[in-house]
Amino acid sequence: MFDRKSVRISPSTPWFADVRTVLSPMSGVTDRAFRDICRDYGAGLSFCEFTAAKGLTYNSERTWQLIDSEGERAPVGVQIFGNEPEFMGGAARMMRNTRLDVLDINFGCPAKKVVKKCGGSALLADVPLLIEVTKAVIAESPVPVSAKIRTGWDEDSVNYREVGLALQDLGCIWVTIHGRTRQQKFSGQADRDRIADFVEILDIPVIGNGDVVDGESYADMVRHTRCHAVMVGRGAIGNPWIFKQMDAVDGMGEYEPPAMMEILDLARRHIEEDCRYRGERTGANVVRKHVARYFRSFPGAAAIRRKLFDTEDGAEMLVALREIREEAITRGSLS
């Protein structure tokens, strides 16, 4: 349907030729339960939460728990961040017994807690170090390596072309680009002209990222940039149906907005799975941000959110969910 640019697919990842949608690695969001749900709704590739390389090399149990991919269906990716080649390479080497299909390097995160440690998008301001980090990861990784970047540190140092060509030459199998500088964080609009330019200068696949929140914005991203695939981050929180929307735009099935019954069933599944993976209290804290947003387009959404947030663990959330279902039945609003 779309005029996507012809690209060089790595022989090590032939499956990527058919991937069109990607769930972005997001801290506190893309845990195992959410990845499984998004995959069921059509996500072509799902990433674990992004992870600090130093924490992995220090064998931090809490850090390793973020890579909860054992037994997960393919394809699944892991993303690491850091600015020290020895730790980044060490973390890559430690992936040999981990379930993953691709290892991604985070050169794009704008979060202050990451940047102040000279990780994420901070490395866009130090290209020689970015190159050394990439070399170390590729040398040690048991799986193919990709990278995610932004257009630059700020408008005075837009360097996505230089960085992208360097990553391609070093052996990255694809590059994801978010169409903003680090200085912008998530303000303004993602620059699709720059993403389109990036697509044209690289021979390897480019994944476009930024401001895709539904099927229409997905179609606009692909038409405007001719990118191979699209990565969705914030647009998927509380909205795993976005992957089904994007598939429908690509001519793969049809999309109908979810009815209340489907949302209630998915909310129950999400609560149960997160609590099984993380425990009752932790699971409830993690899943609450998703479940509360599931109902945002329905009448009484604010009251539903209050009811769900006024719980302490998964069991209480499930009780609240049953009450919400009963109220919906009474109102006749399940369809």
Protein backbone atom coordinates (compact mmCIF):
# COMPACT_ATOMS: atom_id res chain seq x y z
CA MET A 1 0.00 0.00 0.00
CA PHE A 2 2.82 2.42 0.86
CA ASP A 3 5.87 3.41 -1.16
CA ARG A 4 8.48 2.29 1.34
CA LYS A 5 12.12 2.66 0.42
CA SER A 6 13.90 -0.52 -0.68
CA VAL A 7 16.54 -1.33 1.95
CA ARG A 8 19.26 -3.82 2.76
CA ILE A 9 17.92 -6.35 5.25
CA SER A 10 20.63 -8.08 7.26
CA PRO A 11 20.88 -11.85 6.60
CA SER A 12 21.05 -12.24 10.38
CA THR A 13 17.50 -10.86 10.76
CA PRO A 14 15.46 -12.01 7.74
CA TRP A 15 12.31 -11.80 9.87
CA PHE A 16 12.68 -8.01 10.01
CA ALA A 17 11.70 -7.72 6.35
CA ASP A 18 8.05 -8.14 7.39
CA VAL A 19 8.13 -6.05 10.57
CA ARG A 20 6.17 -2.81 10.21
CA THR A 21 5.34 -1.88 13.82
CA VAL A 22 7.55 -1.79 16.91
CA LEU A 23 6.77 -1.26 20.60
CA SER A 24 9.32 1.16 22.02
CA PRO A 25 11.37 0.31 25.13
CA MET A 26 9.88 2.41 27.94
CA SER A 27 10.89 2.47 31.58
CA GLY A 28 8.10 1.28 33.86
CA VAL A 29 5.86 0.50 30.89
CA THR A 30 7.01 -2.27 28.54
CA ASP A 31 7.16 -5.17 30.94
CA ARG A 32 6.37 -8.74 29.95
CA ALA A 33 2.61 -8.47 30.44
CA PHE A 34 2.29 -5.36 28.28
CA ARG A 35 4.58 -6.75 25.56
CA ASP A 36 2.50 -9.92 25.34
CA ILE A 37 -0.68 -7.86 25.02
CA CYS A 38 0.74 -5.57 22.34
CA ARG A 39 2.05 -8.58 20.42
CA ASP A 40 -1.43 -10.13 20.51
CA TYR A 41 -2.79 -6.92 18.98
CA GLY A 42 -0.22 -6.94 16.19
CA ALA A 43 3.08 -5.45 17.36
CA GLY A 44 5.74 -6.81 15.02
CA LEU A 45 8.61 -6.39 17.49
CA SER A 46 8.42 -5.60 21.20
CA PHE A 47 11.20 -4.23 23.41
CA CYS A 48 11.77 -4.79 27.11
CA GLU A 49 12.19 -1.73 29.33
CA PHE A 50 15.48 0.01 28.57
CA THR A 51 18.21 -1.09 30.94
CA ALA A 52 21.40 0.36 32.43
CA ALA A 53 24.45 -1.55 31.21
CA LYS A 54 26.37 -0.89 34.41
CA GLY A 55 23.58 -2.39 36.50
CA LEU A 56 23.67 -5.52 34.37
CA THR A 57 27.43 -5.90 34.65
CA TYR A 58 27.20 -5.43 38.42
CA ASN A 59 24.61 -8.22 38.41
CA SER A 60 21.94 -6.04 39.97
CA GLU A 61 18.94 -8.32 40.44
CA ARG A 62 16.56 -5.41 40.06
CA THR A 63 18.16 -4.43 36.73
CA TRP A 64 18.14 -7.95 35.36
CA GLN A 65 14.46 -8.26 36.23
CA LEU A 66 13.75 -5.64 33.57
CA ILE A 67 14.78 -8.20 30.95
CA ASP A 68 11.94 -10.58 31.74
CA SER A 69 11.97 -12.34 28.37
CA GLU A 70 12.47 -16.02 29.24
CA GLY A 71 10.13 -18.10 27.09
CA GLU A 72 8.76 -15.03 25.29
CA ARG A 73 7.52 -15.33 21.75
CA ALA A 74 9.74 -13.90 19.02
CA PRO A 75 10.72 -11.35 18.14
CA VAL A 76 11.78 -9.51 21.29
CA GLY A 77 14.44 -6.84 21.76
CA VAL A 78 16.54 -5.57 24.64
CA GLN A 79 17.87 -2.01 24.82
CA ILE A 80 20.82 -0.93 26.95
CA PHE A 81 22.24 2.49 27.78
CA GLY A 82 25.51 3.80 29.16
CA ASN A 83 28.56 5.78 28.12
CA GLU A 84 31.45 3.49 29.08
CA PRO A 85 32.48 1.07 26.31
CA GLU A 86 33.76 -1.53 28.76
CA PHE A 87 30.43 -1.70 30.61
CA MET A 88 28.36 -1.56 27.44
CA GLY A 89 30.43 -4.35 25.91
CA GLY A 90 30.27 -6.30 29.16
CA ALA A 91 26.50 -6.03 29.30
CA ALA A 92 26.27 -7.20 25.68
CA ARG A 93 28.48 -10.18 26.47
CA MET A 94 26.24 -11.12 29.40
CA MET A 95 23.27 -11.45 27.04
CA ARG A 96 24.50 -14.85 25.86
CA ASN A 97 22.05 -16.67 28.11
CA THR A 98 19.20 -14.20 27.62
CA ARG A 99 16.19 -14.64 25.36
CA LEU A 100 16.41 -11.86 22.73
CA ASP A 101 16.48 -11.38 18.96
CA VAL A 102 18.14 -7.97 18.76
CA LEU A 103 20.19 -5.78 21.10
CA ASP A 104 19.54 -2.05 20.73
CA ILE A 105 21.76 0.81 21.92
CA ASN A 106 19.96 3.76 23.45
CA PHE A 107 21.35 7.00 22.04
CA GLY A 108 17.97 8.71 22.14
CA CYS A 109 16.55 8.88 25.66
CA PRO A 110 16.15 12.54 26.75
CA ALA A 111 15.37 11.80 30.41
CA LYS A 112 17.44 13.88 32.84
CA LYS A 113 18.35 10.88 35.00
CA VAL A 114 19.85 9.14 31.94
CA VAL A 115 21.47 12.18 30.33
CA LYS A 116 23.13 13.37 33.55
CA LYS A 117 25.04 10.07 33.54
CA CYS A 118 26.09 10.86 29.95
CA GLY A 119 23.86 8.11 28.59
CA GLY A 120 21.05 8.11 26.03
CA SER A 121 20.92 11.21 23.84
CA ALA A 122 23.91 12.76 25.67
CA LEU A 123 26.15 10.71 23.39
CA LEU A 124 24.87 12.60 20.36
CA ALA A 125 27.06 15.43 21.65
CA ASP A 126 30.13 13.15 21.69
CA VAL A 127 30.19 11.20 18.44
CA PRO A 128 33.68 9.68 18.96
CA LEU A 129 32.50 8.16 22.25
CA LEU A 130 29.24 7.04 20.62
CA ILE A 131 31.33 5.20 18.03
CA GLU A 132 33.48 3.52 20.67
CA VAL A 133 30.39 2.41 22.59
CA THR A 134 28.85 0.97 19.43
CA LYS A 135 32.03 -0.91 18.54
CA ALA A 136 32.19 -2.43 22.02
CA VAL A 137 28.57 -3.62 21.92
CA ILE A 138 28.80 -5.08 18.41
CA ALA A 139 32.04 -6.89 19.28
CA GLU A 140 30.45 -8.63 22.27
CA SER A 141 26.79 -9.06 21.40
CA PRO A 142 25.51 -12.59 20.73
CA VAL A 143 22.73 -11.15 18.53
CA PRO A 144 22.53 -8.42 15.86
CA VAL A 145 22.79 -4.83 17.11
CA SER A 146 20.63 -1.81 16.25
CA ALA A 147 20.51 1.72 17.67
CA LYS A 148 18.06 4.48 18.46
CA ILE A 149 18.92 8.17 18.07
CA ARG A 150 17.38 11.64 17.92
CA THR A 151 18.05 14.30 15.32
CA GLY A 152 20.73 15.85 17.52
CA TRP A 153 21.40 17.37 20.92
CA ASP A 154 19.84 20.73 20.01
CA GLU A 155 19.11 22.84 16.94
CA ASP A 156 22.70 24.08 16.89
CA SER A 157 24.08 20.54 16.70
CA VAL A 158 21.73 18.55 14.46
CA ASN A 159 23.94 15.61 13.42
CA TYR A 160 21.65 12.69 12.63
CA ARG A 161 23.24 12.23 9.20
CA GLU A 162 26.76 11.88 10.59
CA VAL A 163 25.62 9.59 13.39
CA GLY A 164 23.41 7.42 11.17
CA LEU A 165 26.10 6.83 8.55
CA ALA A 166 28.61 5.98 11.28
CA LEU A 167 26.23 3.46 12.85
CA GLN A 168 25.57 1.89 9.44
CA ASP A 169 29.30 1.60 8.71
CA LEU A 170 29.93 0.05 12.12
CA GLY A 171 27.44 -2.73 11.42
CA CYS A 172 24.13 -1.77 12.98
CA ILE A 173 21.34 -3.65 11.23
CA TRP A 174 18.88 -0.76 11.47
CA VAL A 175 18.53 2.63 13.15
CA THR A 176 15.47 4.12 14.81
CA ILE A 177 15.20 7.91 14.74
CA HIS A 178 12.94 10.06 16.88
CA GLY A 179 12.24 13.26 15.00
CA ARG A 180 13.18 15.67 17.80
CA THR A 181 16.40 16.92 19.36
CA ARG A 182 17.22 16.10 22.96
CA GLN A 183 16.57 19.72 23.89
CA GLN A 184 12.98 19.39 22.66
CA LYS A 185 12.36 16.23 24.70
CA PHE A 186 8.68 15.63 23.75
CA SER A 187 7.65 19.21 23.05
CA GLY A 188 6.63 20.57 19.66
CA GLN A 189 6.25 18.17 16.76
CA ALA A 190 8.49 15.41 15.49
CA ASP A 191 10.24 16.57 12.32
CA ARG A 192 9.21 14.12 9.62
CA ASP A 193 11.22 15.94 6.97
CA ARG A 194 14.38 15.02 8.87
CA ILE A 195 13.21 11.44 9.28
CA ALA A 196 12.55 11.29 5.52
CA ASP A 197 16.03 12.67 4.83
CA PHE A 198 17.50 10.06 7.16
CA VAL A 199 15.66 7.28 5.32
CA GLU A 200 17.11 8.43 2.02
CA ILE A 201 20.74 8.57 3.11
CA LEU A 202 20.89 5.10 4.71
CA ASP A 203 20.95 1.75 2.95
CA ILE A 204 19.79 -0.14 6.05
CA PRO A 205 16.23 0.04 7.40
CA VAL A 206 15.09 3.10 9.32
CA ILE A 207 12.37 2.98 11.95
CA GLY A 208 10.48 6.26 12.27
CA ASN A 209 9.44 7.41 15.74
CA GLY A 210 7.50 10.35 17.13
CA ASP A 211 3.86 11.45 17.40
CA VAL A 212 2.27 8.26 16.07
CA VAL A 213 -0.92 7.80 18.11
CA ASP A 214 -3.37 6.14 15.71
CA GLY A 215 -3.76 4.70 12.23
CA GLU A 216 -3.93 8.10 10.57
CA SER A 217 -0.69 9.39 12.08
CA TYR A 218 0.96 6.05 11.25
CA ALA A 219 -0.07 6.40 7.61
CA ASP A 220 1.22 9.97 7.56
CA MET A 221 4.58 8.91 9.00
CA VAL A 222 5.08 6.18 6.39
CA ARG A 223 3.84 8.28 3.44
CA HIS A 224 5.97 11.24 4.43
CA THR A 225 9.19 9.39 5.28
CA ARG A 226 9.06 6.05 3.39
CA CYS A 227 10.46 4.43 6.54
CA HIS A 228 10.62 0.66 6.79
CA ALA A 229 8.76 0.49 10.11
CA VAL A 230 7.31 2.72 12.83
CA MET A 231 8.08 2.62 16.54
CA VAL A 232 5.30 3.57 18.95
CA GLY A 233 5.97 4.66 22.52
CA ARG A 234 3.60 6.88 24.48
CA GLY A 235 0.83 6.30 21.93
CA ALA A 236 0.57 2.66 23.03
CA ILE A 237 0.15 3.29 26.77
CA GLY A 238 -3.41 2.31 27.59
CA ASN A 239 -3.94 1.76 23.87
CA PRO A 240 -2.55 -1.58 22.64
CA TRP A 241 -5.24 -1.46 19.95
CA ILE A 242 -3.04 1.01 18.09
CA PHE A 243 -1.13 -1.93 16.60
CA LYS A 244 -4.34 -3.35 15.19
CA GLN A 245 -5.13 0.09 13.76
CA MET A 246 -1.76 0.26 12.05
CA ASP A 247 -2.11 -3.25 10.65
CA ALA A 248 -5.49 -2.29 9.19
CA VAL A 249 -3.90 0.72 7.48
CA ASP A 250 -1.38 -1.69 5.95
CA GLY A 251 -4.21 -3.84 4.63
CA MET A 252 -3.76 -6.59 7.22
CA GLY A 253 -7.20 -7.11 8.72
CA GLU A 254 -9.79 -4.63 9.87
CA TYR A 255 -10.03 -2.39 12.90
CA GLU A 256 -13.05 -1.67 15.06
CA PRO A 257 -12.74 0.44 18.21
CA PRO A 258 -12.92 -1.83 21.25
CA ALA A 259 -16.25 -2.18 23.01
CA MET A 260 -16.51 -1.90 26.80
CA MET A 261 -16.61 -5.69 27.20
CA GLU A 262 -13.31 -6.14 25.35
CA ILE A 263 -11.69 -3.42 27.44
CA LEU A 264 -12.93 -4.96 30.68
CA ASP A 265 -11.63 -8.39 29.64
CA LEU A 266 -8.25 -6.97 28.65
CA ALA A 267 -7.98 -4.96 31.88
CA ARG A 268 -8.60 -8.12 33.90
CA ARG A 269 -5.98 -10.01 31.92
CA HIS A 270 -3.43 -7.21 32.32
CA ILE A 271 -3.96 -7.01 36.10
CA GLU A 272 -3.73 -10.77 36.54
CA GLU A 273 -0.59 -11.12 34.42
CA ASP A 274 1.28 -8.20 35.97
CA CYS A 275 0.47 -9.43 39.47
CA ARG A 276 1.62 -12.93 38.54
CA TYR A 277 4.94 -11.63 37.22
CA ARG A 278 5.58 -8.94 39.85
CA GLY A 279 3.48 -9.78 42.90
CA GLU A 280 0.19 -8.29 44.09
CA ARG A 281 1.30 -4.84 45.22
CA THR A 282 4.07 -4.14 42.72
CA GLY A 283 2.02 -5.53 39.86
CA ALA A 284 -0.92 -3.32 40.81
CA ASN A 285 1.28 -0.22 40.92
CA VAL A 286 2.71 -0.98 37.48
CA VAL A 287 -0.52 -1.90 35.74
CA ARG A 288 -2.61 0.96 37.15
CA LYS A 289 -1.18 3.49 34.66
CA HIS A 290 -2.31 1.28 31.78
CA VAL A 291 -5.70 0.15 33.01
CA ALA A 292 -6.88 3.62 34.01
CA ARG A 293 -6.27 4.79 30.44
CA TYR A 294 -8.11 1.90 28.85
CA PHE A 295 -11.43 3.58 29.67
CA ARG A 296 -10.59 7.18 28.75
CA SER A 297 -12.98 7.36 25.78
CA PHE A 298 -15.99 6.04 27.72
CA PRO A 299 -18.58 7.97 29.75
CA GLY A 300 -17.68 8.03 33.43
CA ALA A 301 -13.97 7.50 32.73
CA ALA A 302 -12.93 9.80 35.59
CA ALA A 303 -15.02 7.83 38.10
CA ILE A 304 -13.55 4.57 36.79
CA ARG A 305 -10.02 5.92 37.22
CA ARG A 306 -10.75 6.98 40.79
CA LYS A 307 -12.13 3.56 41.61
CA LEU A 308 -9.10 1.78 40.17
CA PHE A 309 -6.60 4.11 41.83
CA ASP A 310 -8.31 3.72 45.20
CA THR A 311 -6.93 0.18 45.54
CA GLU A 312 -3.82 -1.25 47.17
CA ASP A 313 -3.19 -4.51 45.35
CA GLY A 314 -4.25 -6.64 42.41
CA ALA A 315 -7.02 -8.41 44.26
CA GLU A 316 -8.66 -5.09 45.14
CA MET A 317 -8.28 -3.91 41.56
CA LEU A 318 -10.08 -6.99 40.28
CA VAL A 319 -12.92 -6.38 42.74
CA ALA A 320 -13.14 -2.79 41.51
CA LEU A 321 -13.15 -4.02 37.93
CA ARG A 322 -16.07 -6.36 38.67
CA GLU A 323 -17.98 -3.43 40.13
CA ILE A 324 -17.26 -1.38 37.03
CA ARG A 325 -18.55 -4.24 34.88
CA GLU A 326 -21.76 -4.51 36.93
CA GLU A 327 -22.33 -0.76 36.66
CA ALA A 328 -21.80 -0.94 32.90
CA ILE A 329 -24.32 -3.79 32.62
CA THR A 330 -26.83 -1.74 34.59
CA ARG A 331 -26.33 1.21 32.25
CA GLY A 332 -26.40 -1.06 29.19
CA SER A 333 -23.04 0.28 27.99
CA LEU A 334 -21.06 -2.94 27.39
CA SER A 335 -21.34 -2.82 23.59
